[in-house]
N, C-alpha and C. Protein backbone atom coordinates (compact mmCIF):
# COMPACT_ATOMS: atom_id res chain seq x y z
N MET A 1 0.85 -1.19 0.00
CA MET A 1 0.00 0.00 0.00
C MET A 1 0.88 1.24 0.00
N SER A 2 0.52 2.24 -0.81
CA SER A 2 1.34 3.43 -0.93
C SER A 2 1.19 4.31 0.31
N ALA A 3 2.17 5.23 0.46
CA ALA A 3 2.13 6.15 1.60
C ALA A 3 0.87 7.02 1.55
N ARG A 4 0.48 7.42 0.34
CA ARG A 4 -0.73 8.25 0.21
C ARG A 4 -1.96 7.49 0.67
N ALA A 5 -2.04 6.21 0.34
CA ALA A 5 -3.18 5.41 0.76
C ALA A 5 -3.21 5.25 2.28
N TRP A 6 -2.01 5.05 2.88
CA TRP A 6 -1.94 4.96 4.34
C TRP A 6 -2.40 6.24 5.00
N ILE A 7 -1.95 7.38 4.47
CA ILE A 7 -2.33 8.67 5.04
C ILE A 7 -3.83 8.89 4.89
N ARG A 8 -4.36 8.55 3.73
CA ARG A 8 -5.80 8.70 3.51
C ARG A 8 -6.59 7.81 4.46
N GLY A 9 -6.12 6.57 4.62
CA GLY A 9 -6.79 5.66 5.53
C GLY A 9 -6.72 6.13 6.98
N LEU A 10 -5.55 6.66 7.36
CA LEU A 10 -5.38 7.18 8.72
C LEU A 10 -6.30 8.37 8.96
N GLY A 11 -6.41 9.23 7.94
CA GLY A 11 -7.29 10.38 8.06
C GLY A 11 -8.74 9.98 8.24
N VAL A 12 -9.18 8.98 7.47
CA VAL A 12 -10.55 8.49 7.59
C VAL A 12 -10.78 7.89 8.98
N ALA A 13 -9.79 7.14 9.47
CA ALA A 13 -9.92 6.53 10.80
C ALA A 13 -10.02 7.59 11.89
N VAL A 14 -9.21 8.64 11.78
CA VAL A 14 -9.25 9.71 12.78
C VAL A 14 -10.61 10.41 12.76
N LEU A 15 -11.11 10.68 11.56
CA LEU A 15 -12.43 11.33 11.46
C LEU A 15 -13.53 10.43 12.03
N ALA A 16 -13.45 9.14 11.75
CA ALA A 16 -14.47 8.21 12.24
C ALA A 16 -14.45 8.15 13.77
N ILE A 17 -13.25 8.10 14.35
CA ILE A 17 -13.13 8.04 15.81
C ILE A 17 -13.63 9.34 16.43
N ALA A 18 -13.25 10.47 15.84
CA ALA A 18 -13.70 11.76 16.36
C ALA A 18 -15.22 11.87 16.29
N TYR A 19 -15.79 11.41 15.18
CA TYR A 19 -17.26 11.45 15.05
C TYR A 19 -17.92 10.59 16.12
N ALA A 20 -17.39 9.39 16.34
CA ALA A 20 -17.98 8.49 17.34
C ALA A 20 -17.91 9.09 18.73
N VAL A 21 -16.77 9.69 19.07
CA VAL A 21 -16.62 10.29 20.40
C VAL A 21 -17.58 11.46 20.58
N LEU A 22 -17.66 12.34 19.58
CA LEU A 22 -18.56 13.49 19.68
C LEU A 22 -20.02 13.05 19.71
N ALA A 23 -20.37 12.05 18.91
CA ALA A 23 -21.75 11.55 18.91
C ALA A 23 -22.10 10.97 20.27
N HIS A 24 -21.17 10.24 20.88
CA HIS A 24 -21.44 9.68 22.20
C HIS A 24 -21.59 10.79 23.23
N LEU A 25 -20.75 11.81 23.16
CA LEU A 25 -20.85 12.93 24.10
C LEU A 25 -22.19 13.64 23.96
N SER A 26 -22.65 13.80 22.71
CA SER A 26 -23.93 14.49 22.51
C SER A 26 -25.09 13.70 23.10
N ASN A 27 -24.94 12.37 23.16
CA ASN A 27 -25.99 11.53 23.75
C ASN A 27 -25.84 11.37 25.26
N SER A 28 -24.72 11.77 25.80
CA SER A 28 -24.44 11.54 27.22
C SER A 28 -24.45 12.81 28.05
N MET A 29 -24.23 13.96 27.41
CA MET A 29 -24.12 15.22 28.15
C MET A 29 -25.38 16.05 28.00
N PRO A 30 -25.91 16.59 29.08
CA PRO A 30 -27.06 17.50 28.98
C PRO A 30 -26.68 18.76 28.19
N GLY A 31 -27.64 19.27 27.44
CA GLY A 31 -27.42 20.51 26.71
C GLY A 31 -26.61 20.38 25.45
N ALA A 32 -26.43 19.15 24.95
CA ALA A 32 -25.64 18.95 23.73
C ALA A 32 -26.52 18.64 22.53
N SER A 33 -27.78 19.08 22.57
CA SER A 33 -28.71 18.72 21.49
C SER A 33 -28.31 19.34 20.16
N ALA A 34 -27.78 20.56 20.18
CA ALA A 34 -27.37 21.19 18.92
C ALA A 34 -26.26 20.38 18.25
N LEU A 35 -25.30 19.94 19.05
CA LEU A 35 -24.23 19.09 18.51
C LEU A 35 -24.82 17.79 17.99
N GLY A 36 -25.80 17.24 18.69
CA GLY A 36 -26.42 16.00 18.25
C GLY A 36 -27.09 16.13 16.90
N VAL A 37 -27.84 17.20 16.71
CA VAL A 37 -28.51 17.41 15.41
C VAL A 37 -27.48 17.60 14.31
N ALA A 38 -26.46 18.41 14.58
CA ALA A 38 -25.43 18.67 13.57
C ALA A 38 -24.73 17.39 13.14
N LEU A 39 -24.42 16.53 14.10
CA LEU A 39 -23.73 15.28 13.78
C LEU A 39 -24.65 14.26 13.13
N ALA A 40 -25.93 14.27 13.51
CA ALA A 40 -26.86 13.30 12.96
C ALA A 40 -27.29 13.65 11.55
N VAL A 41 -27.42 14.96 11.27
CA VAL A 41 -27.95 15.39 9.97
C VAL A 41 -26.86 15.86 9.02
N GLY A 42 -25.84 16.54 9.57
CA GLY A 42 -24.82 17.14 8.72
C GLY A 42 -24.14 16.19 7.76
N PRO A 43 -23.58 15.06 8.24
CA PRO A 43 -22.92 14.14 7.30
C PRO A 43 -23.85 13.60 6.22
N LEU A 44 -25.12 13.37 6.57
CA LEU A 44 -26.07 12.87 5.58
C LEU A 44 -26.30 13.90 4.48
N LEU A 45 -26.43 15.17 4.87
CA LEU A 45 -26.63 16.22 3.87
C LEU A 45 -25.40 16.39 2.98
N VAL A 46 -24.22 16.34 3.59
CA VAL A 46 -22.99 16.47 2.80
C VAL A 46 -22.87 15.31 1.81
N PHE A 47 -23.14 14.10 2.30
CA PHE A 47 -23.07 12.92 1.43
C PHE A 47 -24.09 13.03 0.30
N ALA A 48 -25.30 13.50 0.63
CA ALA A 48 -26.35 13.63 -0.39
C ALA A 48 -25.95 14.67 -1.44
N VAL A 49 -25.33 15.77 -1.01
CA VAL A 49 -24.89 16.81 -1.96
C VAL A 49 -23.82 16.25 -2.89
N ILE A 50 -22.88 15.50 -2.34
CA ILE A 50 -21.80 14.92 -3.16
C ILE A 50 -22.39 13.96 -4.20
N LEU A 51 -23.30 13.07 -3.75
CA LEU A 51 -23.93 12.14 -4.69
C LEU A 51 -24.74 12.88 -5.74
N GLY A 52 -25.48 13.89 -5.30
CA GLY A 52 -26.29 14.66 -6.25
C GLY A 52 -25.45 15.39 -7.27
N TRP A 53 -24.32 15.94 -6.82
CA TRP A 53 -23.44 16.68 -7.73
C TRP A 53 -22.82 15.76 -8.78
N ARG A 54 -22.60 14.50 -8.40
CA ARG A 54 -21.99 13.55 -9.33
C ARG A 54 -23.01 12.84 -10.21
N SER A 55 -24.29 13.01 -9.90
CA SER A 55 -25.32 12.31 -10.66
C SER A 55 -25.63 13.04 -11.96
N ARG A 56 -26.37 12.37 -12.83
CA ARG A 56 -26.77 12.99 -14.09
C ARG A 56 -27.81 14.09 -13.86
N LEU A 57 -28.63 13.90 -12.84
CA LEU A 57 -29.65 14.90 -12.49
C LEU A 57 -29.08 15.85 -11.44
N ARG A 58 -28.00 16.52 -11.80
CA ARG A 58 -27.27 17.31 -10.82
C ARG A 58 -28.12 18.42 -10.23
N LEU A 59 -28.75 19.24 -11.08
CA LEU A 59 -29.50 20.39 -10.58
C LEU A 59 -30.68 19.98 -9.70
N PRO A 60 -31.56 19.06 -10.15
CA PRO A 60 -32.66 18.66 -9.26
C PRO A 60 -32.16 18.05 -7.95
N SER A 61 -31.08 17.27 -8.01
CA SER A 61 -30.57 16.64 -6.80
C SER A 61 -30.06 17.68 -5.81
N VAL A 62 -29.30 18.66 -6.31
CA VAL A 62 -28.78 19.70 -5.42
C VAL A 62 -29.90 20.55 -4.87
N LEU A 63 -30.93 20.83 -5.68
CA LEU A 63 -32.07 21.60 -5.19
C LEU A 63 -32.81 20.85 -4.09
N LEU A 64 -32.94 19.53 -4.23
CA LEU A 64 -33.57 18.74 -3.18
C LEU A 64 -32.76 18.78 -1.89
N CYS A 65 -31.44 18.72 -2.03
CA CYS A 65 -30.58 18.81 -0.85
C CYS A 65 -30.71 20.18 -0.19
N ALA A 66 -30.81 21.24 -1.02
CA ALA A 66 -31.00 22.58 -0.47
C ALA A 66 -32.32 22.68 0.27
N LEU A 67 -33.37 22.06 -0.30
CA LEU A 67 -34.66 22.06 0.37
C LEU A 67 -34.58 21.32 1.70
N ALA A 68 -33.86 20.20 1.71
CA ALA A 68 -33.67 19.45 2.96
C ALA A 68 -32.96 20.31 4.00
N GLY A 69 -31.96 21.07 3.56
CA GLY A 69 -31.26 21.95 4.48
C GLY A 69 -32.17 23.03 5.05
N VAL A 70 -33.05 23.59 4.22
CA VAL A 70 -34.01 24.59 4.69
C VAL A 70 -34.96 23.99 5.71
N LEU A 71 -35.42 22.76 5.46
CA LEU A 71 -36.33 22.10 6.40
C LEU A 71 -35.65 21.82 7.73
N VAL A 72 -34.37 21.44 7.67
CA VAL A 72 -33.63 21.21 8.91
C VAL A 72 -33.55 22.51 9.70
N TYR A 73 -33.25 23.60 9.02
CA TYR A 73 -33.18 24.90 9.70
C TYR A 73 -34.54 25.29 10.28
N ARG A 74 -35.60 25.07 9.50
CA ARG A 74 -36.94 25.46 9.94
C ARG A 74 -37.38 24.66 11.16
N TYR A 75 -37.06 23.39 11.19
CA TYR A 75 -37.54 22.52 12.27
C TYR A 75 -36.43 22.16 13.26
N TRP A 76 -35.40 23.00 13.32
CA TRP A 76 -34.27 22.72 14.21
C TRP A 76 -34.69 22.48 15.66
N PRO A 77 -35.56 23.32 16.24
CA PRO A 77 -35.96 23.07 17.64
C PRO A 77 -36.59 21.69 17.85
N LEU A 78 -37.43 21.27 16.89
CA LEU A 78 -38.06 19.95 17.01
C LEU A 78 -37.02 18.84 16.89
N LEU A 79 -36.11 19.01 15.96
CA LEU A 79 -35.05 18.01 15.79
C LEU A 79 -34.15 17.95 17.02
N ALA A 80 -33.86 19.12 17.60
CA ALA A 80 -33.01 19.14 18.80
C ALA A 80 -33.68 18.44 19.97
N GLU A 81 -35.00 18.52 20.01
CA GLU A 81 -35.73 17.87 21.10
C GLU A 81 -35.71 16.36 20.98
N HIS A 82 -35.65 15.86 19.75
CA HIS A 82 -35.73 14.41 19.52
C HIS A 82 -34.52 13.89 18.76
N PHE A 83 -33.36 14.53 18.90
CA PHE A 83 -32.21 14.16 18.07
C PHE A 83 -31.74 12.71 18.24
N PRO A 84 -31.92 12.07 19.44
CA PRO A 84 -31.50 10.66 19.49
C PRO A 84 -32.21 9.78 18.47
N TRP A 85 -33.45 10.14 18.12
CA TRP A 85 -34.15 9.36 17.10
C TRP A 85 -33.47 9.49 15.74
N LEU A 86 -32.86 10.65 15.49
CA LEU A 86 -32.12 10.83 14.23
C LEU A 86 -30.93 9.88 14.19
N TYR A 87 -30.23 9.76 15.32
CA TYR A 87 -29.12 8.81 15.39
C TYR A 87 -29.60 7.38 15.16
N LEU A 88 -30.73 7.04 15.78
CA LEU A 88 -31.25 5.68 15.60
C LEU A 88 -31.57 5.40 14.14
N LEU A 89 -32.25 6.35 13.49
CA LEU A 89 -32.59 6.17 12.06
C LEU A 89 -31.33 6.07 11.22
N GLN A 90 -30.34 6.89 11.54
CA GLN A 90 -29.09 6.88 10.78
C GLN A 90 -28.35 5.57 10.94
N GLN A 91 -28.15 5.15 12.21
CA GLN A 91 -27.32 3.98 12.48
C GLN A 91 -28.05 2.68 12.16
N ALA A 92 -29.23 2.50 12.76
CA ALA A 92 -29.96 1.26 12.53
C ALA A 92 -30.39 1.16 11.07
N GLY A 93 -30.73 2.30 10.46
CA GLY A 93 -31.11 2.27 9.04
C GLY A 93 -29.97 1.81 8.15
N ALA A 94 -28.76 2.33 8.42
CA ALA A 94 -27.61 1.95 7.59
C ALA A 94 -27.29 0.47 7.74
N TYR A 95 -27.22 -0.01 8.99
CA TYR A 95 -26.89 -1.42 9.19
C TYR A 95 -28.01 -2.33 8.71
N GLY A 96 -29.25 -1.88 8.89
CA GLY A 96 -30.37 -2.68 8.39
C GLY A 96 -30.35 -2.81 6.88
N LEU A 97 -30.03 -1.73 6.18
CA LEU A 97 -29.95 -1.79 4.72
C LEU A 97 -28.81 -2.69 4.26
N LEU A 98 -27.68 -2.64 4.97
CA LEU A 98 -26.58 -3.54 4.63
C LEU A 98 -26.99 -4.99 4.82
N GLY A 99 -27.67 -5.28 5.93
CA GLY A 99 -28.14 -6.64 6.14
C GLY A 99 -29.10 -7.09 5.05
N LEU A 100 -30.00 -6.19 4.67
CA LEU A 100 -30.94 -6.52 3.60
C LEU A 100 -30.23 -6.75 2.27
N MET A 101 -29.20 -5.96 2.01
CA MET A 101 -28.43 -6.12 0.78
C MET A 101 -27.79 -7.50 0.70
N PHE A 102 -27.17 -7.94 1.81
CA PHE A 102 -26.56 -9.27 1.82
C PHE A 102 -27.63 -10.36 1.75
N ALA A 103 -28.73 -10.18 2.48
CA ALA A 103 -29.78 -11.20 2.50
C ALA A 103 -30.44 -11.34 1.13
N ARG A 104 -30.70 -10.23 0.45
CA ARG A 104 -31.34 -10.28 -0.86
C ARG A 104 -30.48 -11.02 -1.88
N SER A 105 -29.16 -10.88 -1.74
CA SER A 105 -28.28 -11.54 -2.71
C SER A 105 -28.29 -13.06 -2.56
N LEU A 106 -28.92 -13.58 -1.49
CA LEU A 106 -29.02 -15.02 -1.28
C LEU A 106 -30.22 -15.63 -1.98
N ALA A 107 -31.05 -14.81 -2.61
CA ALA A 107 -32.23 -15.32 -3.32
C ALA A 107 -31.80 -16.24 -4.46
N ALA A 108 -32.73 -17.08 -4.89
CA ALA A 108 -32.41 -18.12 -5.88
C ALA A 108 -31.93 -17.54 -7.20
N ASP A 109 -32.42 -16.36 -7.59
CA ASP A 109 -32.06 -15.80 -8.89
C ASP A 109 -30.89 -14.83 -8.81
N ARG A 110 -30.17 -14.82 -7.67
CA ARG A 110 -29.05 -13.90 -7.50
C ARG A 110 -27.78 -14.64 -7.11
N VAL A 111 -26.68 -13.96 -7.28
CA VAL A 111 -25.38 -14.48 -6.84
C VAL A 111 -25.09 -13.91 -5.46
N PRO A 112 -24.79 -14.73 -4.45
CA PRO A 112 -24.46 -14.20 -3.12
C PRO A 112 -23.37 -13.14 -3.22
N LEU A 113 -23.51 -12.11 -2.44
CA LEU A 113 -22.64 -10.95 -2.59
C LEU A 113 -21.17 -11.29 -2.42
N CYS A 114 -20.84 -12.12 -1.42
CA CYS A 114 -19.43 -12.49 -1.23
C CYS A 114 -18.92 -13.35 -2.39
N THR A 115 -19.79 -14.15 -2.98
CA THR A 115 -19.42 -14.92 -4.17
C THR A 115 -19.11 -13.97 -5.32
N HIS A 116 -19.93 -12.95 -5.46
CA HIS A 116 -19.72 -11.95 -6.51
C HIS A 116 -18.38 -11.25 -6.32
N TRP A 117 -18.08 -10.85 -5.08
CA TRP A 117 -16.80 -10.20 -4.81
C TRP A 117 -15.64 -11.13 -5.13
N ALA A 118 -15.74 -12.39 -4.69
CA ALA A 118 -14.65 -13.34 -4.91
C ALA A 118 -14.43 -13.58 -6.41
N THR A 119 -15.53 -13.59 -7.17
CA THR A 119 -15.42 -13.79 -8.62
C THR A 119 -14.71 -12.61 -9.27
N LEU A 120 -14.96 -11.39 -8.78
CA LEU A 120 -14.28 -10.23 -9.33
C LEU A 120 -12.77 -10.31 -9.10
N VAL A 121 -12.36 -10.93 -7.99
CA VAL A 121 -10.93 -11.02 -7.66
C VAL A 121 -10.27 -12.21 -8.34
N HIS A 122 -10.95 -13.38 -8.31
CA HIS A 122 -10.32 -14.64 -8.71
C HIS A 122 -10.84 -15.20 -10.03
N GLY A 123 -11.89 -14.65 -10.57
CA GLY A 123 -12.50 -15.26 -11.75
C GLY A 123 -13.44 -16.39 -11.34
N PRO A 124 -13.80 -17.29 -12.26
CA PRO A 124 -14.71 -18.40 -11.93
C PRO A 124 -14.22 -19.19 -10.72
N LEU A 125 -15.14 -19.53 -9.83
CA LEU A 125 -14.78 -20.16 -8.56
C LEU A 125 -15.02 -21.67 -8.60
N ALA A 126 -14.19 -22.39 -7.88
CA ALA A 126 -14.42 -23.83 -7.67
C ALA A 126 -15.66 -24.00 -6.79
N PRO A 127 -16.35 -25.16 -6.90
CA PRO A 127 -17.57 -25.37 -6.11
C PRO A 127 -17.35 -25.17 -4.61
N ALA A 128 -16.23 -25.63 -4.09
CA ALA A 128 -15.98 -25.48 -2.65
C ALA A 128 -15.86 -24.00 -2.27
N VAL A 129 -15.24 -23.21 -3.12
CA VAL A 129 -15.09 -21.79 -2.84
C VAL A 129 -16.44 -21.09 -2.94
N ALA A 130 -17.23 -21.45 -3.95
CA ALA A 130 -18.56 -20.85 -4.09
C ALA A 130 -19.43 -21.17 -2.88
N HIS A 131 -19.34 -22.41 -2.39
CA HIS A 131 -20.11 -22.80 -1.20
C HIS A 131 -19.66 -21.99 0.01
N TYR A 132 -18.36 -21.80 0.16
CA TYR A 132 -17.83 -21.05 1.29
C TYR A 132 -18.27 -19.60 1.23
N THR A 133 -18.18 -18.98 0.06
CA THR A 133 -18.54 -17.56 -0.05
C THR A 133 -20.04 -17.35 0.18
N ARG A 134 -20.85 -18.34 -0.20
CA ARG A 134 -22.28 -18.22 0.11
C ARG A 134 -22.49 -18.25 1.63
N ALA A 135 -21.79 -19.14 2.32
CA ALA A 135 -21.91 -19.22 3.77
C ALA A 135 -21.45 -17.92 4.43
N VAL A 136 -20.39 -17.31 3.90
CA VAL A 136 -19.92 -16.05 4.45
C VAL A 136 -20.96 -14.94 4.24
N THR A 137 -21.63 -14.96 3.11
CA THR A 137 -22.70 -13.99 2.86
C THR A 137 -23.81 -14.13 3.90
N VAL A 138 -24.16 -15.36 4.25
CA VAL A 138 -25.17 -15.61 5.29
C VAL A 138 -24.70 -15.02 6.62
N VAL A 139 -23.43 -15.22 6.95
CA VAL A 139 -22.90 -14.72 8.22
C VAL A 139 -22.93 -13.19 8.26
N TRP A 140 -22.56 -12.55 7.14
CA TRP A 140 -22.61 -11.09 7.09
C TRP A 140 -24.04 -10.59 7.27
N ALA A 141 -24.99 -11.23 6.60
CA ALA A 141 -26.39 -10.82 6.76
C ALA A 141 -26.84 -10.97 8.20
N ALA A 142 -26.43 -12.07 8.85
CA ALA A 142 -26.80 -12.30 10.25
C ALA A 142 -26.15 -11.27 11.17
N LEU A 143 -24.89 -10.92 10.89
CA LEU A 143 -24.20 -9.93 11.73
C LEU A 143 -24.89 -8.58 11.67
N PHE A 144 -25.22 -8.12 10.46
CA PHE A 144 -25.89 -6.83 10.34
C PHE A 144 -27.29 -6.87 10.95
N ALA A 145 -27.98 -8.00 10.84
CA ALA A 145 -29.28 -8.13 11.48
C ALA A 145 -29.13 -8.06 13.00
N PHE A 146 -28.10 -8.71 13.54
CA PHE A 146 -27.85 -8.68 14.98
C PHE A 146 -27.56 -7.26 15.46
N ILE A 147 -26.72 -6.54 14.73
CA ILE A 147 -26.38 -5.17 15.12
C ILE A 147 -27.63 -4.29 15.10
N THR A 148 -28.42 -4.41 14.03
CA THR A 148 -29.64 -3.60 13.92
C THR A 148 -30.62 -3.92 15.05
N PHE A 149 -30.84 -5.21 15.30
CA PHE A 149 -31.76 -5.63 16.36
C PHE A 149 -31.29 -5.13 17.72
N THR A 150 -29.99 -5.27 18.00
CA THR A 150 -29.45 -4.84 19.28
C THR A 150 -29.60 -3.34 19.47
N MET A 151 -29.36 -2.58 18.40
CA MET A 151 -29.51 -1.13 18.49
C MET A 151 -30.94 -0.75 18.85
N VAL A 152 -31.90 -1.37 18.18
CA VAL A 152 -33.31 -1.03 18.43
C VAL A 152 -33.71 -1.41 19.86
N VAL A 153 -33.30 -2.59 20.31
CA VAL A 153 -33.65 -3.05 21.66
C VAL A 153 -33.02 -2.15 22.72
N LEU A 154 -31.74 -1.83 22.57
CA LEU A 154 -31.07 -0.96 23.54
C LEU A 154 -31.68 0.43 23.55
N PHE A 155 -32.05 0.93 22.38
CA PHE A 155 -32.66 2.26 22.31
C PHE A 155 -33.99 2.27 23.06
N ALA A 156 -34.73 1.17 22.97
CA ALA A 156 -36.04 1.10 23.61
C ALA A 156 -35.95 0.83 25.11
N LEU A 157 -34.95 0.06 25.55
CA LEU A 157 -34.95 -0.44 26.92
C LEU A 157 -33.83 0.10 27.80
N ALA A 158 -32.72 0.49 27.21
CA ALA A 158 -31.55 0.88 28.01
C ALA A 158 -31.43 2.40 28.08
N PRO A 159 -30.67 2.91 29.05
CA PRO A 159 -30.38 4.35 29.07
C PRO A 159 -29.67 4.77 27.79
N LEU A 160 -29.91 6.02 27.39
CA LEU A 160 -29.36 6.50 26.12
C LEU A 160 -27.84 6.37 26.03
N PRO A 161 -27.07 6.68 27.10
CA PRO A 161 -25.61 6.50 26.99
C PRO A 161 -25.19 5.06 26.71
N VAL A 162 -25.95 4.09 27.23
CA VAL A 162 -25.64 2.68 26.96
C VAL A 162 -25.85 2.38 25.49
N TRP A 163 -26.99 2.82 24.96
CA TRP A 163 -27.25 2.62 23.52
C TRP A 163 -26.16 3.30 22.70
N SER A 164 -25.80 4.52 23.07
CA SER A 164 -24.80 5.27 22.32
C SER A 164 -23.45 4.57 22.35
N ALA A 165 -23.09 4.00 23.50
CA ALA A 165 -21.81 3.29 23.60
C ALA A 165 -21.77 2.11 22.64
N PHE A 166 -22.87 1.38 22.55
CA PHE A 166 -22.89 0.25 21.61
C PHE A 166 -22.85 0.76 20.17
N ALA A 167 -23.68 1.75 19.85
CA ALA A 167 -23.77 2.23 18.48
C ALA A 167 -22.47 2.83 17.99
N ASN A 168 -21.78 3.57 18.86
CA ASN A 168 -20.61 4.31 18.42
C ASN A 168 -19.28 3.59 18.64
N PHE A 169 -19.24 2.66 19.62
CA PHE A 169 -17.96 2.03 19.96
C PHE A 169 -17.93 0.52 19.81
N CYS A 170 -19.08 -0.10 19.57
CA CYS A 170 -19.12 -1.56 19.48
C CYS A 170 -19.48 -2.07 18.09
N ALA A 171 -20.40 -1.39 17.42
CA ALA A 171 -20.91 -1.90 16.14
C ALA A 171 -19.80 -2.01 15.09
N PHE A 172 -19.07 -0.93 14.88
CA PHE A 172 -18.03 -0.96 13.84
C PHE A 172 -16.89 -1.92 14.19
N PRO A 173 -16.42 -1.95 15.45
CA PRO A 173 -15.41 -2.96 15.80
C PRO A 173 -15.88 -4.39 15.56
N LEU A 174 -17.17 -4.66 15.71
CA LEU A 174 -17.69 -5.99 15.39
C LEU A 174 -17.49 -6.30 13.90
N ILE A 175 -17.69 -5.29 13.07
CA ILE A 175 -17.51 -5.49 11.63
C ILE A 175 -16.04 -5.73 11.30
N VAL A 176 -15.16 -4.95 11.92
CA VAL A 176 -13.71 -5.15 11.71
C VAL A 176 -13.31 -6.55 12.16
N ALA A 177 -13.83 -6.98 13.32
CA ALA A 177 -13.52 -8.32 13.83
C ALA A 177 -14.02 -9.39 12.87
N MET A 178 -15.16 -9.12 12.23
CA MET A 178 -15.69 -10.07 11.26
C MET A 178 -14.76 -10.19 10.06
N PHE A 179 -14.25 -9.07 9.56
CA PHE A 179 -13.30 -9.11 8.45
C PHE A 179 -12.06 -9.93 8.82
N VAL A 180 -11.52 -9.64 9.98
CA VAL A 180 -10.29 -10.33 10.41
C VAL A 180 -10.56 -11.81 10.66
N GLY A 181 -11.66 -12.11 11.36
CA GLY A 181 -11.99 -13.51 11.65
C GLY A 181 -12.28 -14.30 10.40
N GLU A 182 -13.01 -13.70 9.46
CA GLU A 182 -13.32 -14.42 8.22
C GLU A 182 -12.05 -14.71 7.42
N TYR A 183 -11.13 -13.76 7.42
CA TYR A 183 -9.88 -13.98 6.70
C TYR A 183 -9.10 -15.14 7.30
N ALA A 184 -9.09 -15.22 8.64
CA ALA A 184 -8.39 -16.32 9.32
C ALA A 184 -9.07 -17.65 9.02
N VAL A 185 -10.38 -17.68 9.05
CA VAL A 185 -11.12 -18.91 8.75
C VAL A 185 -10.90 -19.32 7.29
N ARG A 186 -10.91 -18.34 6.39
CA ARG A 186 -10.72 -18.64 4.97
C ARG A 186 -9.37 -19.29 4.72
N ASN A 187 -8.33 -18.80 5.38
CA ASN A 187 -7.01 -19.40 5.21
C ASN A 187 -6.97 -20.84 5.70
N ARG A 188 -7.81 -21.15 6.70
CA ARG A 188 -7.84 -22.50 7.24
C ARG A 188 -8.72 -23.42 6.40
N VAL A 189 -9.87 -22.92 6.00
CA VAL A 189 -10.84 -23.75 5.27
C VAL A 189 -10.41 -23.95 3.82
N LEU A 190 -9.80 -22.93 3.22
CA LEU A 190 -9.38 -23.00 1.81
C LEU A 190 -7.87 -22.78 1.72
N PRO A 191 -7.06 -23.72 2.22
CA PRO A 191 -5.62 -23.49 2.29
C PRO A 191 -4.94 -23.43 0.93
N ASN A 192 -5.55 -24.04 -0.09
CA ASN A 192 -4.92 -24.08 -1.41
C ASN A 192 -5.33 -22.91 -2.30
N MET A 193 -6.17 -22.04 -1.79
CA MET A 193 -6.65 -20.91 -2.58
C MET A 193 -5.67 -19.75 -2.44
N ARG A 194 -5.47 -19.02 -3.53
CA ARG A 194 -4.63 -17.82 -3.48
C ARG A 194 -5.42 -16.72 -2.80
N HIS A 195 -4.97 -16.28 -1.64
CA HIS A 195 -5.69 -15.28 -0.86
C HIS A 195 -5.16 -13.89 -1.19
N ALA A 196 -6.08 -13.00 -1.53
CA ALA A 196 -5.68 -11.67 -2.01
C ALA A 196 -5.74 -10.60 -0.94
N GLY A 197 -6.00 -10.94 0.31
CA GLY A 197 -6.04 -9.95 1.38
C GLY A 197 -7.44 -9.80 1.96
N ILE A 198 -7.51 -9.19 3.13
CA ILE A 198 -8.77 -9.09 3.85
C ILE A 198 -9.80 -8.28 3.08
N PHE A 199 -9.39 -7.15 2.52
CA PHE A 199 -10.34 -6.24 1.89
C PHE A 199 -10.27 -6.28 0.36
N ALA A 200 -9.65 -7.30 -0.21
CA ALA A 200 -9.49 -7.34 -1.67
C ALA A 200 -10.84 -7.47 -2.38
N GLY A 201 -11.74 -8.31 -1.85
CA GLY A 201 -13.04 -8.49 -2.50
C GLY A 201 -13.86 -7.22 -2.52
N PRO A 202 -14.12 -6.58 -1.36
CA PRO A 202 -14.86 -5.32 -1.38
C PRO A 202 -14.20 -4.23 -2.21
N ARG A 203 -12.85 -4.19 -2.19
CA ARG A 203 -12.15 -3.18 -2.99
C ARG A 203 -12.38 -3.40 -4.48
N ALA A 204 -12.32 -4.65 -4.90
CA ALA A 204 -12.57 -4.96 -6.31
C ALA A 204 -14.01 -4.64 -6.69
N PHE A 205 -14.92 -4.93 -5.77
CA PHE A 205 -16.33 -4.66 -6.03
C PHE A 205 -16.58 -3.16 -6.20
N LEU A 206 -16.00 -2.36 -5.29
CA LEU A 206 -16.19 -0.92 -5.38
C LEU A 206 -15.57 -0.36 -6.65
N ASN A 207 -14.42 -0.89 -7.03
CA ASN A 207 -13.75 -0.41 -8.24
C ASN A 207 -14.52 -0.78 -9.49
N SER A 208 -15.29 -1.85 -9.41
CA SER A 208 -16.02 -2.29 -10.60
C SER A 208 -17.19 -1.39 -10.93
N GLY A 209 -17.74 -0.69 -9.89
CA GLY A 209 -18.88 0.18 -10.13
C GLY A 209 -20.15 -0.56 -10.40
N ARG A 210 -20.27 -1.80 -9.94
CA ARG A 210 -21.46 -2.58 -10.21
C ARG A 210 -22.46 -2.45 -9.09
N ASP A 211 -23.67 -2.95 -9.36
CA ASP A 211 -24.77 -2.85 -8.41
C ASP A 211 -24.46 -3.64 -7.15
N THR A 212 -24.63 -2.99 -5.97
CA THR A 212 -24.32 -3.65 -4.71
C THR A 212 -25.41 -4.62 -4.27
N ALA A 213 -26.51 -4.69 -4.98
CA ALA A 213 -27.59 -5.56 -4.55
C ALA A 213 -27.33 -7.02 -4.92
N GLY A 214 -26.25 -7.29 -5.60
CA GLY A 214 -25.97 -8.67 -5.98
C GLY A 214 -26.27 -8.87 -7.46
N ALA A 215 -25.38 -9.51 -8.18
CA ALA A 215 -25.60 -9.73 -9.60
C ALA A 215 -26.63 -10.83 -9.81
N ARG A 216 -27.49 -10.66 -10.80
CA ARG A 216 -28.47 -11.68 -11.12
C ARG A 216 -27.81 -12.80 -11.93
N ARG A 217 -28.30 -13.98 -11.72
CA ARG A 217 -27.76 -15.11 -12.46
C ARG A 217 -28.17 -15.00 -13.91
N GLY A 218 -27.24 -15.37 -14.80
CA GLY A 218 -27.55 -15.32 -16.23
C GLY A 218 -28.28 -16.55 -16.69
């Protein structure tokens, strides 16, 4: 990996950690509702503007984002009063959609998402490898379902700081642990396979620009 890639990765990690810490503080400290709204809504608006600017419908997309910004400003007091719900929608919604994406790719007319990624890296797969990648897709779907379910239950039953600690400091490390653990299992289960690295499959998938919902079988 090049020095530029390391620096970029380090920068992303620092931003992610800073965001998690600030988000947890906004959920744990009285009087931090303004920070909570800014952190819950701001990144979504920025991301939406970037996507809209890069889309073919640039002007309508940017106008919609501007309208969303006006609505946030107009209803800021209401959002500040209920900002933890914004965090819940943001976090549980994202993980729930990821779980649905992996689960949908397991349908009979689709290629399991991890199988699709492995094919992008290695080409046509042996039956044993295809079976393994399908099983890994099931595990990913289950992990995201578990994270989403736990977030909703903790939000409903536990004190807000407890929910925030799980959402901001436990969910993502679980995903990292899954990447590392799966790589270790893969080396054991498929010892004769050429292994391209922990993140090679997702990296190839992102570079391909293909639909994340899973490729349909031909």
